[in-house]
Amino acid sequence: MTRELQHRTNNLLAVIQSVAGQSLSGAQSLDQAREAFTARLHALAHANALLTQSDWKGASLKEVIARELASFVSRATIEGPRVVLNLNATQGFALIIHELATNAAKHGALSTPAGKVAIHWSVDGKGDTPSFSFSWQERGGPRVASPTRKGFGSTLLKSAIGGVDASPNIEFTPKGVHYTLEAPLSAVAVATGDTTPEQ
């Protein structure tokens, strides 16, 4: 038990160290960096609260998304089969959803009253290796253009979940930001055998 606790602690500290290093670098002011770092820590705290509730057995992807989108839940469609994320994927998705929501609230669909976000994921169980697909699609916001510089948010979205053989992609289309991620299901999820839609 002590070794397992040490492993979890070291993993979390490594994630925090990475987030701190990236948040406090770049051209932004110290106040802006502090605000961004604090918000990212809150996202990690939400993820770890869910993991604690399950005795660190995993967390529902839908619950991770709902927690990070609590302020915008009425403007988001969240659909997909039941997927219980493993520890690393829970923390990774908490940060990914946080970055997407923060960007949408500042510059994208969630910055205007008419804007909406459609979040969908699916599991393809065909073949020897089931696959996982995730999509975040913004609509109804201001016209979007690709950012002129690469910040931590973009880096995180493209690196996706550390140590996972995933293929993330982000498009800044005029209609809205579209983020997708493809990965082997075994790399992000705890095996449950249950892929029924979540209510």
Protein backbone atom coordinates (compact mmCIF):
# COMPACT_ATOMS: atom_id res chain seq x y z
CA MET A 1 0.00 0.00 0.00
CA THR A 2 2.85 2.37 0.86
CA ARG A 3 4.58 1.68 -2.45
CA GLU A 4 1.35 2.27 -4.36
CA LEU A 5 0.77 5.56 -2.52
CA GLN A 6 4.33 6.63 -3.29
CA HIS A 7 3.83 5.80 -6.97
CA ARG A 8 0.62 7.83 -7.15
CA THR A 9 2.22 10.75 -5.32
CA ASN A 10 5.27 10.74 -7.59
CA ASN A 11 3.03 10.61 -10.66
CA LEU A 12 0.94 13.56 -9.48
CA LEU A 13 4.02 15.60 -8.53
CA ALA A 14 5.52 14.97 -11.97
CA VAL A 15 2.31 16.24 -13.62
CA ILE A 16 2.27 19.32 -11.36
CA GLN A 17 5.93 20.01 -12.08
CA SER A 18 5.27 19.90 -15.83
CA VAL A 19 2.20 22.15 -15.54
CA ALA A 20 4.11 24.61 -13.32
CA GLY A 21 7.08 24.77 -15.66
CA GLN A 22 4.94 25.45 -18.70
CA SER A 23 2.51 27.81 -16.97
CA LEU A 24 5.28 30.03 -15.62
CA SER A 25 7.19 30.26 -18.89
CA GLY A 26 6.50 32.42 -21.92
CA ALA A 27 5.69 36.07 -22.42
CA GLN A 28 2.69 36.36 -20.09
CA SER A 29 2.85 38.39 -16.90
CA LEU A 30 3.42 36.80 -13.50
CA ASP A 31 -0.21 37.46 -12.53
CA GLN A 32 -1.47 35.79 -15.72
CA ALA A 33 0.85 32.83 -15.18
CA ARG A 34 -0.25 32.48 -11.56
CA GLU A 35 -3.92 32.55 -12.57
CA ALA A 36 -3.41 29.94 -15.30
CA PHE A 37 -1.38 27.68 -13.01
CA THR A 38 -3.97 27.88 -10.22
CA ALA A 39 -6.81 27.04 -12.63
CA ARG A 40 -4.89 24.01 -13.94
CA LEU A 41 -4.25 22.82 -10.40
CA HIS A 42 -8.01 23.03 -9.75
CA ALA A 43 -8.61 20.86 -12.82
CA LEU A 44 -6.17 18.27 -11.46
CA ALA A 45 -7.84 18.47 -8.04
CA HIS A 46 -11.24 17.73 -9.61
CA ALA A 47 -9.75 14.70 -11.36
CA ASN A 48 -8.13 13.39 -8.21
CA ALA A 49 -11.35 13.88 -6.24
CA LEU A 50 -13.11 11.57 -8.70
CA LEU A 51 -10.29 9.04 -8.46
CA THR A 52 -10.45 9.11 -4.67
CA GLN A 53 -14.20 8.40 -4.77
CA SER A 54 -13.51 5.22 -6.74
CA ASP A 55 -10.58 4.20 -4.52
CA TRP A 56 -8.28 5.08 -7.45
CA LYS A 57 -9.87 2.46 -9.70
CA GLY A 58 -10.66 5.03 -12.41
CA ALA A 59 -13.08 7.81 -13.26
CA SER A 60 -15.97 8.13 -15.69
CA LEU A 61 -15.05 10.23 -18.73
CA LYS A 62 -18.49 11.84 -18.61
CA GLU A 63 -17.98 12.87 -14.98
CA VAL A 64 -14.56 14.33 -15.74
CA ILE A 65 -16.04 16.42 -18.56
CA ALA A 66 -19.08 17.50 -16.51
CA ARG A 67 -16.88 18.71 -13.64
CA GLU A 68 -14.67 20.81 -15.89
CA LEU A 69 -17.68 22.22 -17.78
CA ALA A 70 -19.83 22.90 -14.71
CA SER A 71 -20.23 26.59 -15.61
CA PHE A 72 -21.30 25.79 -19.18
CA VAL A 73 -23.18 22.51 -18.82
CA SER A 74 -26.38 23.94 -20.32
CA ARG A 75 -24.50 24.87 -23.49
CA ALA A 76 -22.73 21.56 -24.02
CA THR A 77 -23.87 18.26 -25.48
CA ILE A 78 -21.99 15.40 -23.85
CA GLU A 79 -22.57 11.99 -25.44
CA GLY A 80 -20.80 8.67 -25.55
CA PRO A 81 -20.68 5.14 -24.14
CA ARG A 82 -19.52 4.46 -20.61
CA VAL A 83 -15.72 4.75 -20.47
CA VAL A 84 -13.87 4.52 -17.16
CA LEU A 85 -10.54 6.28 -17.56
CA ASN A 86 -7.37 5.02 -15.93
CA LEU A 87 -5.37 7.26 -13.59
CA ASN A 88 -3.16 8.94 -16.20
CA ALA A 89 -6.01 9.44 -18.66
CA THR A 90 -8.24 10.92 -15.93
CA GLN A 91 -5.64 13.57 -15.13
CA GLY A 92 -4.88 14.12 -18.80
CA PHE A 93 -8.50 14.56 -19.84
CA ALA A 94 -9.16 16.91 -16.91
CA LEU A 95 -6.40 19.18 -18.21
CA ILE A 96 -7.47 18.80 -21.85
CA ILE A 97 -11.11 19.70 -21.13
CA HIS A 98 -9.97 22.57 -18.91
CA GLU A 99 -7.78 24.01 -21.69
CA LEU A 100 -10.50 23.63 -24.32
CA ALA A 101 -13.14 25.20 -22.06
CA THR A 102 -10.84 28.08 -21.05
CA ASN A 103 -9.99 28.82 -24.68
CA ALA A 104 -13.66 28.59 -25.69
CA ALA A 105 -14.70 30.96 -22.88
CA LYS A 106 -12.05 33.53 -23.84
CA HIS A 107 -12.01 33.32 -27.63
CA GLY A 108 -14.38 30.65 -28.91
CA ALA A 109 -17.95 29.40 -28.79
CA LEU A 110 -18.43 29.89 -25.04
CA SER A 111 -17.47 33.57 -25.29
CA THR A 112 -20.84 34.43 -26.89
CA PRO A 113 -24.40 33.63 -25.74
CA ALA A 114 -25.26 31.65 -28.88
CA GLY A 115 -22.17 29.46 -28.83
CA LYS A 116 -22.35 25.75 -28.07
CA VAL A 117 -20.01 22.79 -27.74
CA ALA A 118 -20.70 19.24 -28.91
CA ILE A 119 -18.60 16.61 -27.13
CA HIS A 120 -18.77 13.05 -28.36
CA TRP A 121 -16.73 9.90 -28.00
CA SER A 122 -17.08 6.37 -29.28
CA VAL A 123 -15.56 2.93 -28.91
CA ASP A 124 -14.94 0.66 -31.87
CA GLY A 125 -14.75 -2.90 -30.59
CA LYS A 126 -14.06 -4.48 -33.96
CA GLY A 127 -10.76 -6.22 -34.52
CA ASP A 128 -8.16 -7.36 -32.02
CA THR A 129 -7.59 -3.91 -30.51
CA PRO A 130 -10.66 -1.81 -29.60
CA SER A 131 -10.15 1.87 -30.35
CA PHE A 132 -11.33 5.05 -28.66
CA SER A 133 -12.30 8.27 -30.48
CA PHE A 134 -12.99 11.64 -28.85
CA SER A 135 -14.30 14.85 -30.40
CA TRP A 136 -14.83 18.43 -29.16
CA GLN A 137 -16.62 20.64 -31.70
CA GLU A 138 -17.47 24.32 -31.17
CA ARG A 139 -20.28 26.09 -33.04
CA GLY A 140 -21.98 29.49 -32.94
CA GLY A 141 -19.04 31.50 -31.66
CA PRO A 142 -16.92 34.19 -33.27
CA ARG A 143 -14.86 33.43 -36.36
CA VAL A 144 -11.81 31.44 -35.35
CA ALA A 145 -8.27 31.77 -36.68
CA SER A 146 -5.15 29.75 -35.88
CA PRO A 147 -3.14 31.25 -32.99
CA THR A 148 -0.01 33.17 -33.91
CA ARG A 149 2.04 31.61 -31.13
CA LYS A 150 2.20 28.22 -29.48
CA GLY A 151 1.35 28.28 -25.78
CA PHE A 152 1.09 25.59 -23.12
CA GLY A 153 -2.57 24.97 -23.98
CA SER A 154 -1.71 24.07 -27.56
CA THR A 155 1.22 21.95 -26.40
CA LEU A 156 -0.97 20.06 -23.95
CA LEU A 157 -3.73 19.46 -26.49
CA LYS A 158 -1.26 18.09 -29.02
CA SER A 159 0.72 15.99 -26.56
CA ALA A 160 -2.63 14.73 -25.22
CA ILE A 161 -2.10 12.17 -22.50
CA GLY A 162 1.47 11.45 -21.47
CA GLY A 163 2.77 8.02 -22.32
CA VAL A 164 -0.24 7.08 -24.44
CA ASP A 165 -0.05 6.02 -28.08
CA ALA A 166 -2.64 8.63 -29.06
CA SER A 167 -3.23 10.69 -32.19
CA PRO A 168 -4.58 14.12 -31.21
CA ASN A 169 -5.47 16.85 -33.68
CA ILE A 170 -6.74 20.40 -33.31
CA GLU A 171 -8.23 22.47 -36.12
CA PHE A 172 -9.00 26.18 -35.90
CA THR A 173 -11.74 26.27 -38.53
CA PRO A 174 -13.80 29.43 -39.21
CA LYS A 175 -16.87 27.72 -37.74
CA GLY A 176 -15.13 26.83 -34.50
CA VAL A 177 -12.37 24.86 -32.83
CA HIS A 178 -12.45 21.13 -33.50
CA TYR A 179 -10.31 18.85 -31.32
CA THR A 180 -10.09 15.11 -31.84
CA LEU A 181 -8.16 12.32 -30.22
CA GLU A 182 -7.75 8.69 -31.33
CA ALA A 183 -6.17 6.05 -29.12
CA PRO A 184 -6.28 2.34 -28.32
CA LEU A 185 -9.03 1.87 -25.75
CA SER A 186 -6.67 -0.08 -23.50
CA ALA A 187 -4.34 2.93 -23.30
CA VAL A 188 -6.93 5.26 -21.77
CA ALA A 189 -9.55 3.08 -20.11
CA VAL A 190 -9.96 0.60 -17.32
CA ALA A 191 -11.38 -2.64 -18.71
CA THR A 192 -15.04 -2.93 -17.66
CA GLY A 193 -16.71 -4.58 -20.63
CA ASP A 194 -19.55 -2.05 -20.32
CA THR A 195 -19.97 0.29 -23.31
CA THR A 196 -23.60 1.31 -22.81
CA PRO A 197 -24.41 5.02 -23.19
CA GLU A 198 -24.08 7.04 -19.99
CA GLN A 199 -27.22 8.78 -18.72
